[in-house]
Amino acid sequence: MKFYDLKTREHVDIPEGKIQKKKIVRKTKSGEQVRHQLIGDHGGRSVYKFVGKADYDKLNVPEVK
């Protein structure tokens, strides 16, 4: 899966074995906002990517709390 590495400013390809997923929930005035984040390991550093709920649900990787 493609991620963007902010440090090197280039796109990197991370295999699914090195990806984890995480739900981020925050409270707003009108309720709760849920964001779906993927975390990839690239050379010992973490790279992040926000995805939609459909992509988050169909990806079969471990979930981080």
PDB file of N, CA and C in Angstrom:
ATOM      1  N   MET A   1       0.845  -1.164   0.000  1.00  0.00           N
ATOM      2  CA  MET A   1       0.000   0.000   0.000  1.00  0.00           C
ATOM      3  C   MET A   1       0.896   1.235   0.000  1.00  0.00           C
ATOM      4  N   LYS A   2       0.494   2.257  -0.715  1.00  0.00           N
ATOM      5  CA  LYS A   2       1.295   3.476  -0.818  1.00  0.00           C
ATOM      6  C   LYS A   2       1.037   4.407   0.360  1.00  0.00           C
ATOM      7  N   PHE A   3       2.121   4.916   0.924  1.00  0.00           N
ATOM      8  CA  PHE A   3       2.093   5.924   1.972  1.00  0.00           C
ATOM      9  C   PHE A   3       2.968   7.080   1.514  1.00  0.00           C
ATOM     10  N   TYR A   4       2.806   8.238   2.118  1.00  0.00           N
ATOM     11  CA  TYR A   4       3.677   9.371   1.835  1.00  0.00           C
ATOM     12  C   TYR A   4       4.569   9.598   3.043  1.00  0.00           C
ATOM     13  N   ASP A   5       5.882   9.537   2.858  1.00  0.00           N
ATOM     14  CA  ASP A   5       6.849   9.738   3.923  1.00  0.00           C
ATOM     15  C   ASP A   5       7.168  11.227   4.004  1.00  0.00           C
ATOM     16  N   LEU A   6       6.762  11.870   5.099  1.00  0.00           N
ATOM     17  CA  LEU A   6       6.961  13.309   5.246  1.00  0.00           C
ATOM     18  C   LEU A   6       8.427  13.691   5.392  1.00  0.00           C
ATOM     19  N   LYS A   7       9.217  12.828   5.976  1.00  0.00           N
ATOM     20  CA  LYS A   7      10.627  13.151   6.201  1.00  0.00           C
ATOM     21  C   LYS A   7      11.410  13.176   4.882  1.00  0.00           C
ATOM     22  N   THR A   8      11.221  12.168   4.051  1.00  0.00           N
ATOM     23  CA  THR A   8      11.946  12.108   2.777  1.00  0.00           C
ATOM     24  C   THR A   8      11.165  12.745   1.633  1.00  0.00           C
ATOM     25  N   ARG A   9       9.906  13.096   1.867  1.00  0.00           N
ATOM     26  CA  ARG A   9       9.018  13.720   0.887  1.00  0.00           C
ATOM     27  C   ARG A   9       8.891  12.890  -0.383  1.00  0.00           C
ATOM     28  N   GLU A  10       8.608  11.621  -0.192  1.00  0.00           N
ATOM     29  CA  GLU A  10       8.387  10.734  -1.328  1.00  0.00           C
ATOM     30  C   GLU A  10       7.369   9.666  -0.957  1.00  0.00           C
ATOM     31  N   HIS A  11       6.761   9.077  -1.975  1.00  0.00           N
ATOM     32  CA  HIS A  11       5.825   7.982  -1.761  1.00  0.00           C
ATOM     33  C   HIS A  11       6.607   6.697  -1.550  1.00  0.00           C
ATOM     34  N   VAL A  12       6.174   5.895  -0.585  1.00  0.00           N
ATOM     35  CA  VAL A  12       6.812   4.614  -0.303  1.00  0.00           C
ATOM     36  C   VAL A  12       5.749   3.520  -0.340  1.00  0.00           C
ATOM     37  N   ASP A  13       6.159   2.329  -0.699  1.00  0.00           N
ATOM     38  CA  ASP A  13       5.248   1.190  -0.764  1.00  0.00           C
ATOM     39  C   ASP A  13       5.506   0.299   0.445  1.00  0.00           C
ATOM     40  N   ILE A  14       4.482   0.118   1.290  1.00  0.00           N
ATOM     41  CA  ILE A  14       4.592  -0.669   2.522  1.00  0.00           C
ATOM     42  C   ILE A  14       3.803  -1.961   2.335  1.00  0.00           C
ATOM     43  N   PRO A  15       4.420  -3.132   2.591  1.00  0.00           N
ATOM     44  CA  PRO A  15       3.663  -4.390   2.497  1.00  0.00           C
ATOM     45  C   PRO A  15       2.631  -4.503   3.621  1.00  0.00           C
ATOM     46  N   GLU A  16       1.568  -5.247   3.388  1.00  0.00           N
ATOM     47  CA  GLU A  16       0.485  -5.363   4.375  1.00  0.00           C
ATOM     48  C   GLU A  16       0.950  -5.959   5.695  1.00  0.00           C
ATOM     49  N   GLY A  17       2.025  -6.713   5.697  1.00  0.00           N
ATOM     50  CA  GLY A  17       2.542  -7.296   6.929  1.00  0.00           C
ATOM     51  C   GLY A  17       3.102  -6.276   7.905  1.00  0.00           C
ATOM     52  N   LYS A  18       3.390  -5.081   7.422  1.00  0.00           N
ATOM     53  CA  LYS A  18       3.961  -4.031   8.264  1.00  0.00           C
ATOM     54  C   LYS A  18       2.982  -2.884   8.507  1.00  0.00           C
ATOM     55  N   ILE A  19       1.691  -3.161   8.325  1.00  0.00           N
ATOM     56  CA  ILE A  19       0.659  -2.134   8.510  1.00  0.00           C
ATOM     57  C   ILE A  19      -0.229  -2.509   9.687  1.00  0.00           C
ATOM     58  N   GLN A  20      -0.601  -1.499  10.478  1.00  0.00           N
ATOM     59  CA  GLN A  20      -1.578  -1.645  11.544  1.00  0.00           C
ATOM     60  C   GLN A  20      -2.653  -0.588  11.320  1.00  0.00           C
ATOM     61  N   LYS A  21      -3.809  -0.783  11.947  1.00  0.00           N
ATOM     62  CA  LYS A  21      -4.876   0.199  11.804  1.00  0.00           C
ATOM     63  C   LYS A  21      -5.340   0.685  13.161  1.00  0.00           C
ATOM     64  N   LYS A  22      -5.895   1.910  13.178  1.00  0.00           N
ATOM     65  CA  LYS A  22      -6.299   2.536  14.436  1.00  0.00           C
ATOM     66  C   LYS A  22      -7.473   3.471  14.186  1.00  0.00           C
ATOM     67  N   LYS A  23      -8.467   3.410  15.099  1.00  0.00           N
ATOM     68  CA  LYS A  23      -9.597   4.339  15.055  1.00  0.00           C
ATOM     69  C   LYS A  23      -9.300   5.492  16.008  1.00  0.00           C
ATOM     70  N   ILE A  24      -9.508   6.699  15.536  1.00  0.00           N
ATOM     71  CA  ILE A  24      -9.315   7.878  16.371  1.00  0.00           C
ATOM     72  C   ILE A  24     -10.685   8.519  16.563  1.00  0.00           C
ATOM     73  N   VAL A  25     -11.124   8.615  17.810  1.00  0.00           N
ATOM     74  CA  VAL A  25     -12.439   9.175  18.130  1.00  0.00           C
ATOM     75  C   VAL A  25     -12.227  10.441  18.946  1.00  0.00           C
ATOM     76  N   ARG A  26     -12.862  11.530  18.516  1.00  0.00           N
ATOM     77  CA  ARG A  26     -12.778  12.766  19.281  1.00  0.00           C
ATOM     78  C   ARG A  26     -14.156  13.392  19.393  1.00  0.00           C
ATOM     79  N   LYS A  27     -14.352  14.107  20.479  1.00  0.00           N
ATOM     80  CA  LYS A  27     -15.645  14.733  20.721  1.00  0.00           C
ATOM     81  C   LYS A  27     -15.664  16.119  20.097  1.00  0.00           C
ATOM     82  N   THR A  28     -16.783  16.435  19.475  1.00  0.00           N
ATOM     83  CA  THR A  28     -17.005  17.760  18.910  1.00  0.00           C
ATOM     84  C   THR A  28     -18.282  18.326  19.526  1.00  0.00           C
ATOM     85  N   LYS A  29     -18.629  19.532  19.152  1.00  0.00           N
ATOM     86  CA  LYS A  29     -19.858  20.137  19.673  1.00  0.00           C
ATOM     87  C   LYS A  29     -21.096  19.321  19.312  1.00  0.00           C
ATOM     88  N   SER A  30     -21.096  18.771  18.098  1.00  0.00           N
ATOM     89  CA  SER A  30     -22.282  18.078  17.619  1.00  0.00           C
ATOM     90  C   SER A  30     -22.243  16.566  17.817  1.00  0.00           C
ATOM     91  N   GLY A  31     -21.244  16.052  18.520  1.00  0.00           N
ATOM     92  CA  GLY A  31     -21.183  14.608  18.750  1.00  0.00           C
ATOM     93  C   GLY A  31     -19.761  14.095  18.719  1.00  0.00           C
ATOM     94  N   GLU A  32     -19.571  12.962  18.070  1.00  0.00           N
ATOM     95  CA  GLU A  32     -18.248  12.364  17.967  1.00  0.00           C
ATOM     96  C   GLU A  32     -17.815  12.268  16.518  1.00  0.00           C
ATOM     97  N   GLN A  33     -16.521  12.444  16.294  1.00  0.00           N
ATOM     98  CA  GLN A  33     -15.940  12.284  14.971  1.00  0.00           C
ATOM     99  C   GLN A  33     -15.010  11.070  15.012  1.00  0.00           C
ATOM    100  N   VAL A  34     -15.168  10.177  14.059  1.00  0.00           N
ATOM    101  CA  VAL A  34     -14.328   8.974  13.988  1.00  0.00           C
ATOM    102  C   VAL A  34     -13.485   9.071  12.723  1.00  0.00           C
ATOM    103  N   ARG A  35     -12.167   8.934  12.888  1.00  0.00           N
ATOM    104  CA  ARG A  35     -11.252   8.905  11.745  1.00  0.00           C
ATOM    105  C   ARG A  35     -10.568   7.553  11.728  1.00  0.00           C
ATOM    106  N   HIS A  36     -10.262   7.064  10.550  1.00  0.00           N
ATOM    107  CA  HIS A  36      -9.658   5.750  10.374  1.00  0.00           C
ATOM    108  C   HIS A  36      -8.246   5.941   9.842  1.00  0.00           C
ATOM    109  N   GLN A  37      -7.267   5.457  10.595  1.00  0.00           N
ATOM    110  CA  GLN A  37      -5.868   5.695  10.289  1.00  0.00           C
ATOM    111  C   GLN A  37      -5.119   4.383  10.077  1.00  0.00           C
ATOM    112  N   LEU A  38      -4.215   4.371   9.109  1.00  0.00           N
ATOM    113  CA  LEU A  38      -3.313   3.243   8.903  1.00  0.00           C
ATOM    114  C   LEU A  38      -1.917   3.686   9.303  1.00  0.00           C
ATOM    115  N   ILE A  39      -1.179   2.801   9.968  1.00  0.00           N
ATOM    116  CA  ILE A  39       0.170   3.095  10.426  1.00  0.00           C
ATOM    117  C   ILE A  39       1.097   2.067   9.790  1.00  0.00           C
ATOM    118  N   GLY A  40       2.071   2.541   9.035  1.00  0.00           N
ATOM    119  CA  GLY A  40       3.021   1.653   8.375  1.00  0.00           C
ATOM    120  C   GLY A  40       4.413   1.830   8.952  1.00  0.00           C
ATOM    121  N   ASP A  41       5.215   0.774   8.909  1.00  0.00           N
ATOM    122  CA  ASP A  41       6.594   0.824   9.391  1.00  0.00           C
ATOM    123  C   ASP A  41       7.523   0.903   8.188  1.00  0.00           C
ATOM    124  N   HIS A  42       8.249   2.005   8.079  1.00  0.00           N
ATOM    125  CA  HIS A  42       9.170   2.212   6.954  1.00  0.00           C
ATOM    126  C   HIS A  42      10.567   2.495   7.492  1.00  0.00           C
ATOM    127  N   GLY A  43      11.400   1.479   7.523  1.00  0.00           N
ATOM    128  CA  GLY A  43      12.778   1.656   7.977  1.00  0.00           C
ATOM    129  C   GLY A  43      12.889   2.049   9.434  1.00  0.00           C
ATOM    130  N   GLY A  44      12.007   1.539  10.284  1.00  0.00           N
ATOM    131  CA  GLY A  44      12.040   1.865  11.708  1.00  0.00           C
ATOM    132  C   GLY A  44      11.276   3.122  12.079  1.00  0.00           C
ATOM    133  N   ARG A  45      10.732   3.815  11.110  1.00  0.00           N
ATOM    134  CA  ARG A  45       9.920   5.007  11.371  1.00  0.00           C
ATOM    135  C   ARG A  45       8.473   4.728  10.984  1.00  0.00           C
ATOM    136  N   SER A  46       7.570   5.418  11.625  1.00  0.00           N
ATOM    137  CA  SER A  46       6.151   5.244  11.324  1.00  0.00           C
ATOM    138  C   SER A  46       5.710   6.245  10.269  1.00  0.00           C
ATOM    139  N   VAL A  47       4.914   5.771   9.328  1.00  0.00           N
ATOM    140  CA  VAL A  47       4.258   6.634   8.350  1.00  0.00           C
ATOM    141  C   VAL A  47       2.759   6.416   8.507  1.00  0.00           C
ATOM    142  N   TYR A  48       1.985   7.479   8.318  1.00  0.00           N
ATOM    143  CA  TYR A  48       0.556   7.453   8.603  1.00  0.00           C
ATOM    144  C   TYR A  48      -0.247   7.787   7.354  1.00  0.00           C
ATOM    145  N   LYS A  49      -1.485   7.266   7.335  1.00  0.00           N
ATOM    146  CA  LYS A  49      -2.383   7.532   6.222  1.00  0.00           C
ATOM    147  C   LYS A  49      -3.816   7.435   6.729  1.00  0.00           C
ATOM    148  N   PHE A  50      -4.640   8.420   6.392  1.00  0.00           N
ATOM    149  CA  PHE A  50      -6.059   8.366   6.732  1.00  0.00           C
ATOM    150  C   PHE A  50      -6.810   7.778   5.550  1.00  0.00           C
ATOM    151  N   VAL A  51      -7.740   6.863   5.852  1.00  0.00           N
ATOM    152  CA  VAL A  51      -8.528   6.193   4.815  1.00  0.00           C
ATOM    153  C   VAL A  51     -10.001   6.243   5.212  1.00  0.00           C
ATOM    154  N   GLY A  52     -10.857   5.893   4.279  1.00  0.00           N
ATOM    155  CA  GLY A  52     -12.285   5.823   4.538  1.00  0.00           C
ATOM    156  C   GLY A  52     -12.653   4.552   5.300  1.00  0.00           C
ATOM    157  N   LYS A  53     -13.870   4.526   5.807  1.00  0.00           N
ATOM    158  CA  LYS A  53     -14.338   3.384   6.602  1.00  0.00           C
ATOM    159  C   LYS A  53     -14.344   2.092   5.788  1.00  0.00           C
ATOM    160  N   ALA A  54     -14.725   2.154   4.518  1.00  0.00           N
ATOM    161  CA  ALA A  54     -14.788   0.946   3.683  1.00  0.00           C
ATOM    162  C   ALA A  54     -13.404   0.325   3.508  1.00  0.00           C
ATOM    163  N   ASP A  55     -12.395   1.152   3.231  1.00  0.00           N
ATOM    164  CA  ASP A  55     -11.028   0.639   3.089  1.00  0.00           C
ATOM    165  C   ASP A  55     -10.504   0.113   4.414  1.00  0.00           C
ATOM    166  N   TYR A  56     -10.851   0.794   5.499  1.00  0.00           N
ATOM    167  CA  TYR A  56     -10.420   0.389   6.840  1.00  0.00           C
ATOM    168  C   TYR A  56     -10.987  -0.988   7.194  1.00  0.00           C
ATOM    169  N   ASP A  57     -12.260  -1.189   6.910  1.00  0.00           N
ATOM    170  CA  ASP A  57     -12.918  -2.444   7.265  1.00  0.00           C
ATOM    171  C   ASP A  57     -12.443  -3.632   6.427  1.00  0.00           C
ATOM    172  N   LYS A  58     -12.139  -3.414   5.155  1.00  0.00           N
ATOM    173  CA  LYS A  58     -11.747  -4.552   4.316  1.00  0.00           C
ATOM    174  C   LYS A  58     -10.275  -4.931   4.479  1.00  0.00           C
ATOM    175  N   LEU A  59      -9.474  -4.096   5.110  1.00  0.00           N
ATOM    176  CA  LEU A  59      -8.066  -4.410   5.321  1.00  0.00           C
ATOM    177  C   LEU A  59      -7.928  -5.347   6.526  1.00  0.00           C
ATOM    178  N   ASN A  60      -7.280  -6.483   6.314  1.00  0.00           N
ATOM    179  CA  ASN A  60      -7.167  -7.504   7.342  1.00  0.00           C
ATOM    180  C   ASN A  60      -5.781  -7.420   8.012  1.00  0.00           C
ATOM    181  N   VAL A  61      -5.610  -6.405   8.880  1.00  0.00           N
ATOM    182  CA  VAL A  61      -4.354  -6.195   9.619  1.00  0.00           C
ATOM    183  C   VAL A  61      -4.715  -5.968  11.083  1.00  0.00           C
ATOM    184  N   PRO A  62      -3.737  -6.125  12.010  1.00  0.00           N
ATOM    185  CA  PRO A  62      -4.051  -5.935  13.438  1.00  0.00           C
ATOM    186  C   PRO A  62      -4.443  -4.497  13.750  1.00  0.00           C
ATOM    187  N   GLU A  63      -5.313  -4.360  14.752  1.00  0.00           N
ATOM    188  CA  GLU A  63      -5.794  -3.042  15.175  1.00  0.00           C
ATOM    189  C   GLU A  63      -5.079  -2.629  16.471  1.00  0.00           C
ATOM    190  N   VAL A  64      -4.644  -1.374  16.501  1.00  0.00           N
ATOM    191  CA  VAL A  64      -3.963  -0.799  17.663  1.00  0.00           C
ATOM    192  C   VAL A  64      -4.995  -0.035  18.473  1.00  0.00           C
ATOM    193  N   LYS A  65      -4.916  -0.129  19.784  1.00  0.00           N
ATOM    194  CA  LYS A  65      -5.837   0.618  20.655  1.00  0.00           C
ATOM    195  C   LYS A  65      -5.309   1.984  20.988  1.00  0.00           C
TER     196      LYS A  65
END
